[in-house]
Amino acid sequence: MKSTVWSWSGESDCTQYSFGRMTSSAPPHSYPCSPLPVPCLLLRSRDYDGFVSSLLLPEEARRSSLALRAFNVELAQVKDLVSQKTIGLMRMQFWKSAIEEIYRDEAPKQPVSAELWRAVRKHYLTKRWLLRIITEREKDLDDRTYRNLQELERYSENTQSSLIYLLLECLGVKDVHADHAASHIGKAQGIVTSLRAIPYHSNRRKVYLPMDICMLHGASQEDFIRGSRDQKVRDVVYDIASQAHVHLQHARSFSHNVPAAATRAFLQTVALEDYLQRVRRADFDVFHPSLQNRNPLLPIQLYIRSWKKTY
């Protein structure tokens, strides 16, 4: 068993969500996406952790957070939904044009972009972060693996960290320490996402892990494609997971200087920590059955962390 020295710190329907069920008796104003629930439905099915995290934000930021996360999901799923790169590039160009229209204050008709337009108008969101997410997702359509961990971190910074910078703007936070923490949390998010997606990608005969770490431990792409649980595969997962843990620790090193209002943008650390703890208990076997199920206590853990205003 791998020894580790990680230390853990801890448009019509009136639809309202709670943490695991849906009711339809709420007044239209009670649900942040009641005029247009499509983005929320998308987010709930594709990014449940982000969905619940958004519901725990202050009311003035909640709907905008849902819009931003739905926008991120829309971009992230392009690669899986298209069969040709050209079609994917067309989708990315659609989003680039949508952003330009939004910043010309032209209300879009597409559900997610319409919600995004509302968020930009309300919080004066930085256009650069939105475009950076699109640009990085567009590069990812090349369907190539990362040469090293630094490439994965750079991708994560340009996508996940950019999203968190936008969430901070929704919360009205402008603070250099919060930005530093957001950068590290975004990198941890990207790394953990790459680990969580290994079984999914393996079933599609795809591997998107840093080649340098795989070569270091003698693990081939075929090992992952066939779902190998050999030690060399676990060693690759250990090294990658360790880097995600390091980024979480770095992010928390700024906690004494980060404004309390910013901590709500960092609630995803609960889900990241939960996965890293579970993969450690599974001895870094990403194909272990226990890792294929969602933690039913996660919404409660998110609520507690939100109440404590910590990350």
C-alpha atoms as a PDB file:
ATOM      1  CA  MET A   1       0.000   0.000   0.000  1.00  0.00           C
ATOM      2  CA  LYS A   2       1.232   3.445  -0.871  1.00  0.00           C
ATOM      3  CA  SER A   3       2.347   5.367   2.177  1.00  0.00           C
ATOM      4  CA  THR A   4       1.276   8.977   2.345  1.00  0.00           C
ATOM      5  CA  VAL A   5       2.007  11.909   4.607  1.00  0.00           C
ATOM      6  CA  TRP A   6      -0.993  13.977   3.532  1.00  0.00           C
ATOM      7  CA  SER A   7      -2.617  15.885   6.347  1.00  0.00           C
ATOM      8  CA  TRP A   8      -6.214  16.918   5.952  1.00  0.00           C
ATOM      9  CA  SER A   9      -7.883  20.077   7.267  1.00  0.00           C
ATOM     10  CA  GLY A  10     -10.588  19.786   7.528  1.00  0.00           C
ATOM     11  CA  GLU A  11     -38.553  30.287 -18.626  1.00  0.00           C
ATOM     12  CA  SER A  12     -41.905  29.546 -17.008  1.00  0.00           C
ATOM     13  CA  ASP A  13     -42.136  26.808 -14.481  1.00  0.00           C
ATOM     14  CA  CYS A  14     -41.799  27.798 -10.854  1.00  0.00           C
ATOM     15  CA  THR A  15     -39.249  25.204  -9.860  1.00  0.00           C
ATOM     16  CA  GLN A  16     -37.340  25.108  -6.615  1.00  0.00           C
ATOM     17  CA  TYR A  17     -34.558  22.736  -5.750  1.00  0.00           C
ATOM     18  CA  SER A  18     -33.423  21.453  -2.453  1.00  0.00           C
ATOM     19  CA  PHE A  19     -30.387  19.237  -1.939  1.00  0.00           C
ATOM     20  CA  GLY A  20     -31.726  16.108  -3.498  1.00  0.00           C
ATOM     21  CA  ARG A  21     -35.271  16.577  -4.529  1.00  0.00           C
ATOM     22  CA  MET A  22     -37.398  18.902  -6.579  1.00  0.00           C
ATOM     23  CA  THR A  23     -40.705  20.494  -5.724  1.00  0.00           C
ATOM     24  CA  SER A  24     -42.890  22.713  -7.845  1.00  0.00           C
ATOM     25  CA  SER A  25     -44.939  24.670  -5.343  1.00  0.00           C
ATOM     26  CA  ALA A  26     -42.589  27.583  -4.794  1.00  0.00           C
ATOM     27  CA  PRO A  27     -43.421  31.119  -5.875  1.00  0.00           C
ATOM     28  CA  PRO A  28     -41.577  32.327  -8.994  1.00  0.00           C
ATOM     29  CA  HIS A  29     -39.224  34.584  -7.089  1.00  0.00           C
ATOM     30  CA  SER A  30     -38.013  31.913  -4.680  1.00  0.00           C
ATOM     31  CA  TYR A  31     -35.799  30.044  -7.105  1.00  0.00           C
ATOM     32  CA  PRO A  32     -32.847  31.799  -8.686  1.00  0.00           C
ATOM     33  CA  CYS A  33     -33.529  30.375 -12.126  1.00  0.00           C
ATOM     34  CA  SER A  34     -37.332  30.310 -12.087  1.00  0.00           C
ATOM     35  CA  PRO A  35     -37.689  32.448 -15.237  1.00  0.00           C
ATOM     36  CA  LEU A  36     -35.411  30.046 -17.077  1.00  0.00           C
ATOM     37  CA  PRO A  37     -34.648  26.747 -15.354  1.00  0.00           C
ATOM     38  CA  VAL A  38     -32.782  25.163 -18.286  1.00  0.00           C
ATOM     39  CA  PRO A  39     -29.278  26.253 -17.120  1.00  0.00           C
ATOM     40  CA  CYS A  40     -29.995  24.903 -13.645  1.00  0.00           C
ATOM     41  CA  LEU A  41     -31.239  21.573 -14.938  1.00  0.00           C
ATOM     42  CA  LEU A  42     -28.092  21.276 -17.046  1.00  0.00           C
ATOM     43  CA  LEU A  43     -25.888  22.087 -14.084  1.00  0.00           C
ATOM     44  CA  ARG A  44     -27.683  19.755 -11.707  1.00  0.00           C
ATOM     45  CA  SER A  45     -27.145  16.818 -14.065  1.00  0.00           C
ATOM     46  CA  ARG A  46     -23.588  17.588 -15.167  1.00  0.00           C
ATOM     47  CA  ASP A  47     -22.004  19.385 -12.201  1.00  0.00           C
ATOM     48  CA  TYR A  48     -23.931  18.489  -9.066  1.00  0.00           C
ATOM     49  CA  ASP A  49     -21.205  19.689  -6.716  1.00  0.00           C
ATOM     50  CA  GLY A  50     -21.140  23.070  -8.416  1.00  0.00           C
ATOM     51  CA  PHE A  51     -24.935  23.189  -8.397  1.00  0.00           C
ATOM     52  CA  VAL A  52     -25.182  22.678  -4.652  1.00  0.00           C
ATOM     53  CA  SER A  53     -22.299  25.086  -4.023  1.00  0.00           C
ATOM     54  CA  SER A  54     -24.117  27.755  -6.004  1.00  0.00           C
ATOM     55  CA  LEU A  55     -27.306  27.312  -3.991  1.00  0.00           C
ATOM     56  CA  LEU A  56     -25.335  28.133  -0.852  1.00  0.00           C
ATOM     57  CA  LEU A  57     -24.193  31.508  -2.143  1.00  0.00           C
ATOM     58  CA  PRO A  58     -25.856  34.746  -1.021  1.00  0.00           C
ATOM     59  CA  GLU A  59     -29.050  35.473  -2.949  1.00  0.00           C
ATOM     60  CA  GLU A  60     -27.537  38.362  -4.897  1.00  0.00           C
ATOM     61  CA  ALA A  61     -24.851  36.052  -6.351  1.00  0.00           C
ATOM     62  CA  ARG A  62     -26.681  32.725  -6.550  1.00  0.00           C
ATOM     63  CA  ARG A  63     -28.352  33.045  -9.943  1.00  0.00           C
ATOM     64  CA  SER A  64     -25.221  34.475 -11.538  1.00  0.00           C
ATOM     65  CA  SER A  65     -23.136  31.616 -10.158  1.00  0.00           C
ATOM     66  CA  LEU A  66     -25.547  29.087 -11.640  1.00  0.00           C
ATOM     67  CA  ALA A  67     -25.289  30.872 -14.995  1.00  0.00           C
ATOM     68  CA  LEU A  68     -21.487  30.863 -14.930  1.00  0.00           C
ATOM     69  CA  ARG A  69     -21.266  27.206 -13.976  1.00  0.00           C
ATOM     70  CA  ALA A  70     -23.816  26.256 -16.651  1.00  0.00           C
ATOM     71  CA  PHE A  71     -21.734  28.205 -19.166  1.00  0.00           C
ATOM     72  CA  ASN A  72     -18.670  26.227 -18.083  1.00  0.00           C
ATOM     73  CA  VAL A  73     -20.564  22.932 -18.451  1.00  0.00           C
ATOM     74  CA  GLU A  74     -21.780  23.920 -21.927  1.00  0.00           C
ATOM     75  CA  LEU A  75     -18.189  24.429 -23.013  1.00  0.00           C
ATOM     76  CA  ALA A  76     -16.838  21.361 -21.263  1.00  0.00           C
ATOM     77  CA  GLN A  77     -19.325  18.999 -22.899  1.00  0.00           C
ATOM     78  CA  VAL A  78     -18.629  20.156 -26.453  1.00  0.00           C
ATOM     79  CA  LYS A  79     -15.646  17.826 -26.766  1.00  0.00           C
ATOM     80  CA  ASP A  80     -17.728  14.793 -25.794  1.00  0.00           C
ATOM     81  CA  LEU A  81     -20.774  15.680 -27.885  1.00  0.00           C
ATOM     82  CA  VAL A  82     -19.163  16.356 -31.263  1.00  0.00           C
ATOM     83  CA  SER A  83     -17.728  13.747 -33.605  1.00  0.00           C
ATOM     84  CA  GLN A  84     -15.598  16.166 -35.599  1.00  0.00           C
ATOM     85  CA  LYS A  85     -13.309  18.933 -34.453  1.00  0.00           C
ATOM     86  CA  THR A  86     -14.797  21.308 -37.041  1.00  0.00           C
ATOM     87  CA  ILE A  87     -18.211  21.026 -35.383  1.00  0.00           C
ATOM     88  CA  GLY A  88     -16.626  21.689 -32.014  1.00  0.00           C
ATOM     89  CA  LEU A  89     -14.914  24.791 -33.356  1.00  0.00           C
ATOM     90  CA  MET A  90     -18.274  26.023 -34.642  1.00  0.00           C
ATOM     91  CA  ARG A  91     -19.733  25.635 -31.160  1.00  0.00           C
ATOM     92  CA  MET A  92     -16.832  27.556 -29.648  1.00  0.00           C
ATOM     93  CA  GLN A  93     -17.274  30.313 -32.214  1.00  0.00           C
ATOM     94  CA  PHE A  94     -20.928  30.496 -31.234  1.00  0.00           C
ATOM     95  CA  TRP A  95     -19.899  31.168 -27.654  1.00  0.00           C
ATOM     96  CA  LYS A  96     -17.291  33.721 -28.654  1.00  0.00           C
ATOM     97  CA  SER A  97     -19.946  35.566 -30.653  1.00  0.00           C
ATOM     98  CA  ALA A  98     -22.381  35.256 -27.738  1.00  0.00           C
ATOM     99  CA  ILE A  99     -19.873  36.893 -25.395  1.00  0.00           C
ATOM    100  CA  GLU A 100     -19.346  39.754 -27.847  1.00  0.00           C
ATOM    101  CA  GLU A 101     -23.122  40.249 -28.073  1.00  0.00           C
ATOM    102  CA  ILE A 102     -23.440  40.178 -24.294  1.00  0.00           C
ATOM    103  CA  TYR A 103     -20.856  42.927 -23.900  1.00  0.00           C
ATOM    104  CA  ARG A 104     -22.665  44.967 -26.539  1.00  0.00           C
ATOM    105  CA  ASP A 105     -25.667  44.578 -24.220  1.00  0.00           C
ATOM    106  CA  GLU A 106     -27.603  42.539 -26.768  1.00  0.00           C
ATOM    107  CA  ALA A 107     -29.788  40.024 -24.962  1.00  0.00           C
ATOM    108  CA  PRO A 108     -29.218  36.512 -26.408  1.00  0.00           C
ATOM    109  CA  LYS A 109     -31.994  33.960 -26.905  1.00  0.00           C
ATOM    110  CA  GLN A 110     -30.033  30.832 -25.987  1.00  0.00           C
ATOM    111  CA  PRO A 111     -30.996  29.952 -22.364  1.00  0.00           C
ATOM    112  CA  VAL A 112     -27.537  29.789 -20.818  1.00  0.00           C
ATOM    113  CA  SER A 113     -26.171  32.809 -22.671  1.00  0.00           C
ATOM    114  CA  ALA A 114     -29.294  34.775 -21.678  1.00  0.00           C
ATOM    115  CA  GLU A 115     -28.586  34.040 -18.024  1.00  0.00           C
ATOM    116  CA  LEU A 116     -24.943  34.920 -18.576  1.00  0.00           C
ATOM    117  CA  TRP A 117     -25.994  38.273 -20.077  1.00  0.00           C
ATOM    118  CA  ARG A 118     -27.969  38.971 -16.939  1.00  0.00           C
ATOM    119  CA  ALA A 119     -24.988  38.103 -14.727  1.00  0.00           C
ATOM    120  CA  VAL A 120     -22.629  40.336 -16.723  1.00  0.00           C
ATOM    121  CA  ARG A 121     -25.047  43.266 -16.481  1.00  0.00           C
ATOM    122  CA  LYS A 122     -25.497  42.800 -12.750  1.00  0.00           C
ATOM    123  CA  HIS A 123     -21.896  42.261 -11.679  1.00  0.00           C
ATOM    124  CA  TYR A 124     -19.876  43.845 -14.508  1.00  0.00           C
ATOM    125  CA  LEU A 125     -17.994  40.596 -14.990  1.00  0.00           C
ATOM    126  CA  THR A 126     -14.574  40.700 -16.618  1.00  0.00           C
ATOM    127  CA  LYS A 127     -14.810  39.729 -20.273  1.00  0.00           C
ATOM    128  CA  ARG A 128     -11.245  38.430 -20.313  1.00  0.00           C
ATOM    129  CA  TRP A 129     -12.017  35.536 -17.954  1.00  0.00           C
ATOM    130  CA  LEU A 130     -14.989  34.370 -20.035  1.00  0.00           C
ATOM    131  CA  LEU A 131     -13.011  34.466 -23.265  1.00  0.00           C
ATOM    132  CA  ARG A 132     -10.067  32.707 -21.645  1.00  0.00           C
ATOM    133  CA  ILE A 133     -12.280  29.780 -20.687  1.00  0.00           C
ATOM    134  CA  ILE A 134     -13.577  29.495 -24.250  1.00  0.00           C
ATOM    135  CA  THR A 135     -10.104  29.769 -25.773  1.00  0.00           C
ATOM    136  CA  GLU A 136      -8.674  27.051 -23.535  1.00  0.00           C
ATOM    137  CA  ARG A 137     -11.610  24.715 -24.150  1.00  0.00           C
ATOM    138  CA  GLU A 138     -11.164  25.325 -27.865  1.00  0.00           C
ATOM    139  CA  LYS A 139      -7.503  24.287 -27.678  1.00  0.00           C
ATOM    140  CA  ASP A 140      -8.584  21.135 -25.861  1.00  0.00           C
ATOM    141  CA  LEU A 141     -10.565  20.023 -28.919  1.00  0.00           C
ATOM    142  CA  ASP A 142      -7.243  18.820 -30.362  1.00  0.00           C
ATOM    143  CA  ASP A 143      -7.844  15.698 -28.265  1.00  0.00           C
ATOM    144  CA  ARG A 144      -4.272  15.261 -27.152  1.00  0.00           C
ATOM    145  CA  THR A 145      -2.891  14.231 -23.806  1.00  0.00           C
ATOM    146  CA  TYR A 146      -0.844  16.518 -21.563  1.00  0.00           C
ATOM    147  CA  ARG A 147       2.903  16.243 -21.947  1.00  0.00           C
ATOM    148  CA  ASN A 148       3.457  17.007 -18.275  1.00  0.00           C
ATOM    149  CA  LEU A 149       1.677  18.060 -15.114  1.00  0.00           C
ATOM    150  CA  GLN A 150       2.437  21.710 -15.790  1.00  0.00           C
ATOM    151  CA  GLU A 151       0.313  21.572 -18.953  1.00  0.00           C
ATOM    152  CA  LEU A 152      -2.598  20.172 -16.964  1.00  0.00           C
ATOM    153  CA  GLU A 153      -2.142  22.892 -14.360  1.00  0.00           C
ATOM    154  CA  ARG A 154      -2.073  25.579 -17.042  1.00  0.00           C
ATOM    155  CA  TYR A 155      -5.277  24.217 -18.555  1.00  0.00           C
ATOM    156  CA  SER A 156      -6.870  24.159 -15.109  1.00  0.00           C
ATOM    157  CA  GLU A 157      -5.778  27.728 -14.378  1.00  0.00           C
ATOM    158  CA  ASN A 158      -7.264  28.995 -17.633  1.00  0.00           C
ATOM    159  CA  THR A 159     -10.576  27.190 -17.131  1.00  0.00           C
ATOM    160  CA  GLN A 160     -11.374  26.403 -13.497  1.00  0.00           C
ATOM    161  CA  SER A 161      -9.446  29.276 -11.912  1.00  0.00           C
ATOM    162  CA  SER A 162     -10.952  31.742 -14.382  1.00  0.00           C
ATOM    163  CA  LEU A 163     -14.400  30.527 -13.339  1.00  0.00           C
ATOM    164  CA  ILE A 164     -13.585  31.137  -9.677  1.00  0.00           C
ATOM    165  CA  TYR A 165     -12.306  34.653 -10.445  1.00  0.00           C
ATOM    166  CA  LEU A 166     -15.737  35.329 -11.968  1.00  0.00           C
ATOM    167  CA  LEU A 167     -17.486  33.904  -8.897  1.00  0.00           C
ATOM    168  CA  LEU A 168     -15.449  36.254  -6.720  1.00  0.00           C
ATOM    169  CA  GLU A 169     -16.661  39.151  -8.859  1.00  0.00           C
ATOM    170  CA  CYS A 170     -20.259  37.991  -8.326  1.00  0.00           C
ATOM    171  CA  LEU A 171     -19.588  38.159  -4.587  1.00  0.00           C
ATOM    172  CA  GLY A 172     -18.087  41.627  -4.914  1.00  0.00           C
ATOM    173  CA  VAL A 173     -14.659  40.463  -3.756  1.00  0.00           C
ATOM    174  CA  LYS A 174     -11.549  42.160  -5.081  1.00  0.00           C
ATOM    175  CA  ASP A 175      -8.609  40.912  -3.086  1.00  0.00           C
ATOM    176  CA  VAL A 176      -5.150  39.706  -4.119  1.00  0.00           C
ATOM    177  CA  HIS A 177      -5.064  36.960  -1.462  1.00  0.00           C
ATOM    178  CA  ALA A 178      -8.442  35.641  -2.625  1.00  0.00           C
ATOM    179  CA  ASP A 179      -7.127  35.634  -6.186  1.00  0.00           C
ATOM    180  CA  HIS A 180      -4.060  33.633  -5.164  1.00  0.00           C
ATOM    181  CA  ALA A 181      -6.241  31.109  -3.342  1.00  0.00           C
ATOM    182  CA  ALA A 182      -8.593  30.921  -6.343  1.00  0.00           C
ATOM    183  CA  SER A 183      -5.673  30.143  -8.636  1.00  0.00           C
ATOM    184  CA  HIS A 184      -4.586  27.165  -6.551  1.00  0.00           C
ATOM    185  CA  ILE A 185      -8.136  25.895  -5.991  1.00  0.00           C
ATOM    186  CA  GLY A 186      -8.800  26.030  -9.721  1.00  0.00           C
ATOM    187  CA  LYS A 187      -5.670  24.014 -10.414  1.00  0.00           C
ATOM    188  CA  ALA A 188      -6.678  21.451  -7.789  1.00  0.00           C
ATOM    189  CA  GLN A 189     -10.156  21.304  -9.350  1.00  0.00           C
ATOM    190  CA  GLY A 190      -8.735  20.609 -12.796  1.00  0.00           C
ATOM    191  CA  ILE A 191      -6.402  17.911 -11.522  1.00  0.00           C
ATOM    192  CA  VAL A 192      -9.115  16.152  -9.506  1.00  0.00           C
ATOM    193  CA  THR A 193     -11.496  16.340 -12.453  1.00  0.00           C
ATOM    194  CA  SER A 194      -8.908  14.590 -14.618  1.00  0.00           C
ATOM    195  CA  LEU A 195      -8.661  11.795 -12.029  1.00  0.00           C
ATOM    196  CA  ARG A 196     -12.417  11.420 -11.576  1.00  0.00           C
ATOM    197  CA  ALA A 197     -12.844  11.194 -15.355  1.00  0.00           C
ATOM    198  CA  ILE A 198     -10.352   8.338 -15.825  1.00  0.00           C
ATOM    199  CA  PRO A 199     -12.980   5.524 -15.795  1.00  0.00           C
ATOM    200  CA  TYR A 200     -15.238   7.481 -18.176  1.00  0.00           C
ATOM    201  CA  HIS A 201     -12.447   8.240 -20.594  1.00  0.00           C
ATOM    202  CA  SER A 202     -11.083   4.696 -20.359  1.00  0.00           C
ATOM    203  CA  ASN A 203     -14.427   3.334 -21.531  1.00  0.00           C
ATOM    204  CA  ARG A 204     -14.063   5.593 -24.569  1.00  0.00           C
ATOM    205  CA  ARG A 205     -10.467   4.401 -25.051  1.00  0.00           C
ATOM    206  CA  LYS A 206      -9.099   7.832 -24.196  1.00  0.00           C
ATOM    207  CA  VAL A 207      -6.403   8.840 -21.707  1.00  0.00           C
ATOM    208  CA  TYR A 208      -5.782  12.457 -20.735  1.00  0.00           C
ATOM    209  CA  LEU A 209      -3.106  12.153 -18.065  1.00  0.00           C
ATOM    210  CA  PRO A 210       0.375  13.765 -17.944  1.00  0.00           C
ATOM    211  CA  MET A 211       2.678  11.625 -20.068  1.00  0.00           C
ATOM    212  CA  ASP A 212       5.764  12.378 -17.984  1.00  0.00           C
ATOM    213  CA  ILE A 213       4.236  10.859 -14.847  1.00  0.00           C
ATOM    214  CA  CYS A 214       2.932   7.838 -16.735  1.00  0.00           C
ATOM    215  CA  MET A 215       6.387   7.247 -18.228  1.00  0.00           C
ATOM    216  CA  LEU A 216       8.032   7.695 -14.838  1.00  0.00           C
ATOM    217  CA  HIS A 217       6.080   4.753 -13.455  1.00  0.00           C
ATOM    218  CA  GLY A 218       6.022   2.667 -16.622  1.00  0.00           C
ATOM    219  CA  ALA A 219       2.255   2.901 -17.021  1.00  0.00           C
ATOM    220  CA  SER A 220       0.962   2.843 -20.595  1.00  0.00           C
ATOM    221  CA  GLN A 221      -2.276   4.258 -21.987  1.00  0.00           C
ATOM    222  CA  GLU A 222      -3.432   0.705 -22.514  1.00  0.00           C
ATOM    223  CA  ASP A 223      -3.133   0.068 -18.762  1.00  0.00           C
ATOM    224  CA  PHE A 224      -5.720   2.753 -18.127  1.00  0.00           C
ATOM    225  CA  ILE A 225      -7.925   1.787 -21.066  1.00  0.00           C
ATOM    226  CA  ARG A 226      -8.270  -1.771 -19.765  1.00  0.00           C
ATOM    227  CA  GLY A 227      -8.878  -0.520 -16.234  1.00  0.00           C
ATOM    228  CA  SER A 228      -5.720  -1.942 -14.748  1.00  0.00           C
ATOM    229  CA  ARG A 229      -5.432  -1.781 -10.958  1.00  0.00           C
ATOM    230  CA  ASP A 230      -1.706  -2.549 -10.954  1.00  0.00           C
ATOM    231  CA  GLN A 231       0.647  -0.707  -8.625  1.00  0.00           C
ATOM    232  CA  LYS A 232       2.179   1.340 -11.445  1.00  0.00           C
ATOM    233  CA  VAL A 233      -1.254   2.764 -12.279  1.00  0.00           C
ATOM    234  CA  ARG A 234      -1.860   3.567  -8.610  1.00  0.00           C
ATOM    235  CA  ASP A 235       1.531   5.281  -8.454  1.00  0.00           C
ATOM    236  CA  VAL A 236       0.539   7.561 -11.333  1.00  0.00           C
ATOM    237  CA  VAL A 237      -2.717   8.416  -9.560  1.00  0.00           C
ATOM    238  CA  TYR A 238      -0.849   9.006  -6.294  1.00  0.00           C
ATOM    239  CA  ASP A 239       1.528  11.514  -7.872  1.00  0.00           C
ATOM    240  CA  ILE A 240      -1.257  13.418  -9.614  1.00  0.00           C
ATOM    241  CA  ALA A 241      -3.534  13.396  -6.554  1.00  0.00           C
ATOM    242  CA  SER A 242      -0.641  14.584  -4.387  1.00  0.00           C
ATOM    243  CA  GLN A 243      -0.243  17.651  -6.573  1.00  0.00           C
ATOM    244  CA  ALA A 244      -3.933  18.469  -6.183  1.00  0.00           C
ATOM    245  CA  HIS A 245      -3.505  18.164  -2.421  1.00  0.00           C
ATOM    246  CA  VAL A 246      -0.508  20.505  -2.520  1.00  0.00           C
ATOM    247  CA  HIS A 247      -2.582  23.126  -4.329  1.00  0.00           C
ATOM    248  CA  LEU A 248      -5.330  22.847  -1.714  1.00  0.00           C
ATOM    249  CA  GLN A 249      -2.780  23.345   1.039  1.00  0.00           C
ATOM    250  CA  HIS A 250      -1.342  26.377  -0.750  1.00  0.00           C
ATOM    251  CA  ALA A 251      -4.828  27.840  -1.135  1.00  0.00           C
ATOM    252  CA  ARG A 252      -5.494  27.393   2.569  1.00  0.00           C
ATOM    253  CA  SER A 253      -2.225  29.086   3.470  1.00  0.00           C
ATOM    254  CA  PHE A 254      -3.923  32.361   2.439  1.00  0.00           C
ATOM    255  CA  SER A 255      -7.022  31.735   4.572  1.00  0.00           C
ATOM    256  CA  HIS A 256      -6.125  34.238   7.320  1.00  0.00           C
ATOM    257  CA  ASN A 257      -5.894  37.033   4.772  1.00  0.00           C
ATOM    258  CA  VAL A 258      -8.820  36.069   2.551  1.00  0.00           C
ATOM    259  CA  PRO A 259     -12.051  38.053   3.155  1.00  0.00           C
ATOM    260  CA  ALA A 260     -14.841  35.957   4.672  1.00  0.00           C
ATOM    261  CA  ALA A 261     -17.098  36.824   1.729  1.00  0.00           C
ATOM    262  CA  ALA A 262     -14.675  35.080  -0.630  1.00  0.00           C
ATOM    263  CA  THR A 263     -14.928  31.701   1.088  1.00  0.00           C
ATOM    264  CA  ARG A 264     -18.328  31.047  -0.538  1.00  0.00           C
ATOM    265  CA  ALA A 265     -16.595  30.993  -3.920  1.00  0.00           C
ATOM    266  CA  PHE A 266     -14.280  28.273  -2.623  1.00  0.00           C
ATOM    267  CA  LEU A 267     -16.895  25.738  -1.482  1.00  0.00           C
ATOM    268  CA  GLN A 268     -15.731  23.327  -4.193  1.00  0.00           C
ATOM    269  CA  THR A 269     -12.779  22.516  -1.926  1.00  0.00           C
ATOM    270  CA  VAL A 270     -15.191  20.340   0.086  1.00  0.00           C
ATOM    271  CA  ALA A 271     -15.847  18.104  -2.925  1.00  0.00           C
ATOM    272  CA  LEU A 272     -12.158  18.081  -3.862  1.00  0.00           C
ATOM    273  CA  GLU A 273     -11.072  17.090  -0.394  1.00  0.00           C
ATOM    274  CA  ASP A 274     -13.800  14.445  -0.240  1.00  0.00           C
ATOM    275  CA  TYR A 275     -12.585  12.801  -3.451  1.00  0.00           C
ATOM    276  CA  LEU A 276      -8.934  12.923  -2.448  1.00  0.00           C
ATOM    277  CA  GLN A 277      -9.731  11.306   0.884  1.00  0.00           C
ATOM    278  CA  ARG A 278     -11.781   8.574  -0.770  1.00  0.00           C
ATOM    279  CA  VAL A 279      -9.158   7.812  -3.418  1.00  0.00           C
ATOM    280  CA  ARG A 280      -6.557   7.604  -0.642  1.00  0.00           C
ATOM    281  CA  ARG A 281      -8.739   5.107   1.251  1.00  0.00           C
ATOM    282  CA  ALA A 282      -9.039   3.107  -1.980  1.00  0.00           C
ATOM    283  CA  ASP A 283      -5.216   2.998  -2.135  1.00  0.00           C
ATOM    284  CA  PHE A 284      -5.283   5.262  -5.212  1.00  0.00           C
ATOM    285  CA  ASP A 285      -7.254   2.780  -7.278  1.00  0.00           C
ATOM    286  CA  VAL A 286      -9.394   5.118  -9.426  1.00  0.00           C
ATOM    287  CA  PHE A 287     -11.400   2.157 -10.690  1.00  0.00           C
ATOM    288  CA  HIS A 288     -12.526   1.160  -7.186  1.00  0.00           C
ATOM    289  CA  PRO A 289     -16.351   0.869  -6.993  1.00  0.00           C
ATOM    290  CA  SER A 290     -16.506   3.196  -3.984  1.00  0.00           C
ATOM    291  CA  LEU A 291     -15.298   6.076  -6.151  1.00  0.00           C
ATOM    292  CA  GLN A 292     -18.065   5.664  -8.705  1.00  0.00           C
ATOM    293  CA  ASN A 293     -20.778   6.768  -6.281  1.00  0.00           C
ATOM    294  CA  ARG A 294     -21.564  10.273  -5.085  1.00  0.00           C
ATOM    295  CA  ASN A 295     -21.066  10.986  -1.404  1.00  0.00           C
ATOM    296  CA  PRO A 296     -24.634  11.414  -0.022  1.00  0.00           C
ATOM    297  CA  LEU A 297     -23.308  13.547   2.852  1.00  0.00           C
ATOM    298  CA  LEU A 298     -21.612  16.056   0.577  1.00  0.00           C
ATOM    299  CA  PRO A 299     -24.486  18.616   0.598  1.00  0.00           C
ATOM    300  CA  ILE A 300     -24.428  18.628   4.392  1.00  0.00           C
ATOM    301  CA  GLN A 301     -20.658  19.024   4.429  1.00  0.00           C
ATOM    302  CA  LEU A 302     -20.951  21.909   1.990  1.00  0.00           C
ATOM    303  CA  TYR A 303     -23.563  23.575   4.181  1.00  0.00           C
ATOM    304  CA  ILE A 304     -21.412  23.258   7.295  1.00  0.00           C
ATOM    305  CA  ARG A 305     -18.371  24.687   5.507  1.00  0.00           C
ATOM    306  CA  SER A 306     -20.524  27.529   4.176  1.00  0.00           C
ATOM    307  CA  TRP A 307     -21.821  28.274   7.677  1.00  0.00           C
ATOM    308  CA  LYS A 308     -18.299  28.294   9.101  1.00  0.00           C
ATOM    309  CA  LYS A 309     -17.085  30.554   6.278  1.00  0.00           C
ATOM    310  CA  THR A 310     -13.961  28.421   5.816  1.00  0.00           C
ATOM    311  CA  TYR A 311     -12.458  26.487   2.955  1.00  0.00           C
END
